[in-house]
Protein backbone atom coordinates (compact mmCIF):
# COMPACT_ATOMS: atom_id res chain seq x y z
CA MET A 1 0.07 -0.16 -0.16
CA ALA A 2 1.39 3.51 -0.80
CA THR A 3 1.65 6.30 1.66
CA TYR A 4 0.17 9.74 1.22
CA LYS A 5 0.29 12.88 2.94
CA PRO A 6 -3.12 13.89 4.58
CA SER A 7 -3.44 16.50 2.08
CA ASP A 8 -3.26 14.18 -0.73
CA TYR A 9 -6.40 12.34 0.26
CA GLU A 10 -9.08 14.76 -1.00
CA LEU A 11 -7.47 14.21 -4.32
CA LEU A 12 -7.79 10.39 -4.01
CA ARG A 13 -11.28 10.48 -2.81
CA ARG A 14 -12.16 12.60 -5.91
CA ARG A 15 -10.35 10.17 -8.06
CA CYS A 16 -12.09 7.21 -6.20
CA ALA A 17 -15.28 8.66 -7.15
CA GLU A 18 -14.55 9.31 -10.55
CA LEU A 19 -13.26 6.05 -11.26
CA LYS A 20 -16.34 4.49 -9.49
CA GLU A 21 -18.63 6.74 -11.95
CA ALA A 22 -16.57 5.37 -14.81
CA GLY A 23 -17.74 1.91 -13.83
CA TRP A 24 -14.54 0.59 -12.09
CA LYS A 25 -14.87 -1.97 -9.40
CA GLN A 26 -13.96 -1.24 -5.68
CA THR A 27 -10.89 -3.76 -5.74
CA LYS A 28 -9.57 -2.36 -8.80
CA ILE A 29 -9.87 1.28 -7.65
CA ALA A 30 -7.96 0.15 -4.38
CA GLN A 31 -5.21 -1.52 -6.46
CA ALA A 32 -4.86 1.35 -8.80
CA LEU A 33 -4.60 3.90 -6.11
CA GLY A 34 -2.59 1.87 -3.65
CA LEU A 35 -5.29 2.01 -1.03
CA THR A 36 -7.34 -0.53 1.20
CA GLU A 37 -10.65 -1.72 -0.23
CA GLY A 38 -12.08 -0.64 3.16
CA TRP A 39 -10.98 3.00 2.42
CA VAL A 40 -12.48 2.78 -0.76
CA SER A 41 -15.63 1.46 0.46
CA ARG A 42 -15.96 4.08 3.23
CA THR A 43 -15.15 6.74 0.59
CA LEU A 44 -17.84 5.61 -1.89
CA LYS A 45 -20.26 5.25 0.92
CA LYS A 46 -20.05 8.79 1.85
CA TYR A 47 -19.92 10.00 -1.80
CA ARG A 48 -23.19 8.18 -2.36
CA GLN A 49 -24.85 9.61 0.82
CA ASN A 50 -23.44 13.32 0.57
CA GLY A 51 -22.28 13.68 -2.78
CA GLN A 52 -19.13 15.98 -3.75
CA ALA A 53 -19.43 17.78 -0.40
CA ALA A 54 -18.30 14.48 1.35
CA LEU A 55 -15.00 14.13 -0.54
CA ALA A 56 -13.58 17.68 0.70
CA TRP A 57 -10.94 17.47 3.41
CA HIS A 58 -12.13 18.65 6.90
CA LYS A 59 -9.98 19.20 9.94
CA PRO A 60 -11.04 16.23 12.06
CA ALA A 61 -13.01 17.49 15.10
CA GLY A 62 -11.82 16.80 18.30
CA PRO A 63 -13.94 16.07 21.60
CA ALA A 64 -16.11 18.84 22.54
CA CYS A 65 -15.40 20.97 25.48
CA ARG A 66 -16.74 19.15 28.82
CA LEU A 67 -17.43 22.81 30.31
CA THR A 68 -19.81 25.21 28.81
CA ASN A 69 -18.72 28.90 28.43
CA GLU A 70 -20.62 29.75 31.58
CA GLN A 71 -18.73 27.25 33.57
CA ILE A 72 -15.42 28.26 32.41
CA THR A 73 -16.39 32.14 33.43
CA GLN A 74 -17.13 30.57 36.76
CA LEU A 75 -14.02 28.69 36.91
CA VAL A 76 -12.12 32.17 36.26
CA GLU A 77 -14.14 33.94 38.92
CA GLU A 78 -13.08 31.08 41.31
CA LEU A 79 -9.48 31.14 40.28
CA ASN A 80 -9.43 34.65 40.65
CA LYS A 81 -10.32 34.05 44.56
CA GLY A 82 -6.73 32.55 44.83
CA ALA A 83 -5.25 29.12 45.43
CA GLU A 84 -5.31 29.65 49.26
CA HIS A 85 -8.96 30.23 49.12
CA HIS A 86 -9.59 26.98 47.76
CA GLY A 87 -7.33 25.26 50.39
CA PHE A 88 -4.14 25.05 48.68
CA PRO A 89 -0.91 25.99 50.43
CA GLY A 90 0.74 29.01 48.78
CA TYR A 91 -0.67 31.33 46.11
CA ILE A 92 0.31 29.50 42.89
CA TRP A 93 -1.78 27.87 40.69
CA THR A 94 -0.66 24.62 38.94
CA ARG A 95 -2.48 22.47 36.45
CA PRO A 96 -3.22 19.74 38.92
CA ARG A 97 -4.54 22.36 41.43
CA VAL A 98 -6.96 23.80 38.47
CA ASN A 99 -7.83 20.24 37.73
CA GLU A 100 -9.00 19.65 41.22
CA VAL A 101 -11.07 22.69 41.39
CA ILE A 102 -12.88 21.68 38.04
CA LYS A 103 -13.58 18.56 39.71
CA ARG A 104 -15.02 19.96 42.93
CA LEU A 105 -17.20 22.58 41.08
CA PHE A 106 -18.20 20.64 38.07
CA GLY A 107 -17.64 17.04 38.58
CA VAL A 108 -15.32 16.89 35.52
CA SER A 109 -11.95 15.63 35.34
CA TYR A 110 -9.21 16.60 32.81
CA ASP A 111 -5.84 15.31 32.06
CA PRO A 112 -3.48 17.74 33.79
CA SER A 113 -1.85 18.45 30.18
CA GLN A 114 -5.20 19.49 28.83
CA VAL A 115 -5.91 22.01 31.73
CA GLY A 116 -3.50 24.37 29.88
CA ARG A 117 -5.68 24.50 26.85
CA LEU A 118 -8.73 25.12 28.91
CA LEU A 119 -7.04 28.04 30.67
CA LYS A 120 -5.84 29.35 27.27
CA LYS A 121 -9.66 29.25 26.19
CA ALA A 122 -10.36 31.26 29.24
CA GLU A 123 -7.57 33.78 28.27
CA TRP A 124 -5.54 33.02 31.24
CA SER A 125 -1.76 33.13 30.51
CA ARG A 126 0.87 30.91 32.02
CA GLN A 127 3.24 32.79 34.38
CA LYS A 128 6.15 31.59 36.62
CA PRO A 129 6.82 33.50 39.92
CA GLN A 130 10.30 34.98 40.07
CA PRO A 131 12.68 32.70 41.73
CA LYS A 132 14.27 33.83 44.80
CA ALA A 133 17.65 32.74 46.55
CA ARG A 134 16.95 30.57 49.48
CA HIS A 135 19.98 31.74 51.97
CA ARG A 136 19.78 35.63 51.27
CA THR A 137 19.99 37.95 53.90
CA ALA A 138 17.64 41.00 54.21
CA GLU A 139 20.58 43.40 53.37
CA ALA A 140 21.42 41.45 50.01
CA ALA A 141 17.58 41.41 49.44
CA GLU A 142 17.75 45.40 48.86
CA PRO A 143 18.08 46.31 45.37
CA THR A 144 21.21 48.05 44.69
CA LYS A 145 21.56 51.44 43.15
CA GLY A 146 24.34 52.31 40.65
CA PRO A 147 27.26 49.81 40.01
CA ALA A 148 28.38 47.22 42.59
CA MET A 149 31.24 48.34 44.55
CA ALA A 150 34.25 46.16 45.25
CA ARG A 151 35.06 45.57 48.80
């Protein structure tokens, strides 16, 4: 079987329909185009049901968001209250923490890797806190003015 790029498949579907209209059998179409008989069968079935529109390339639809727009708005309102308000130590939101809040509020669980996409949809940006030295003194924490002086 030949290998094709995803962009080639629309042309293959159209050619498949043309050959069928010319009287070719599915087996011969599959052999001529280097495709499986199952692929040709599914393509021709779609073509019979929906005509030329079925042959056009469409980006595959992913699963629908399990939260409504209203729920996403409610989630943002809750996140704005802060992590400590929801019982987490510290003020930083992490994806697992956000996922926990989503579970509590809406009974829906996301993979933590997908929580970032949900936050992007809610127009929240990823931010990291500024690192601070562990063993610094209060004097060293003061910002210096001008060039540092050698001692």
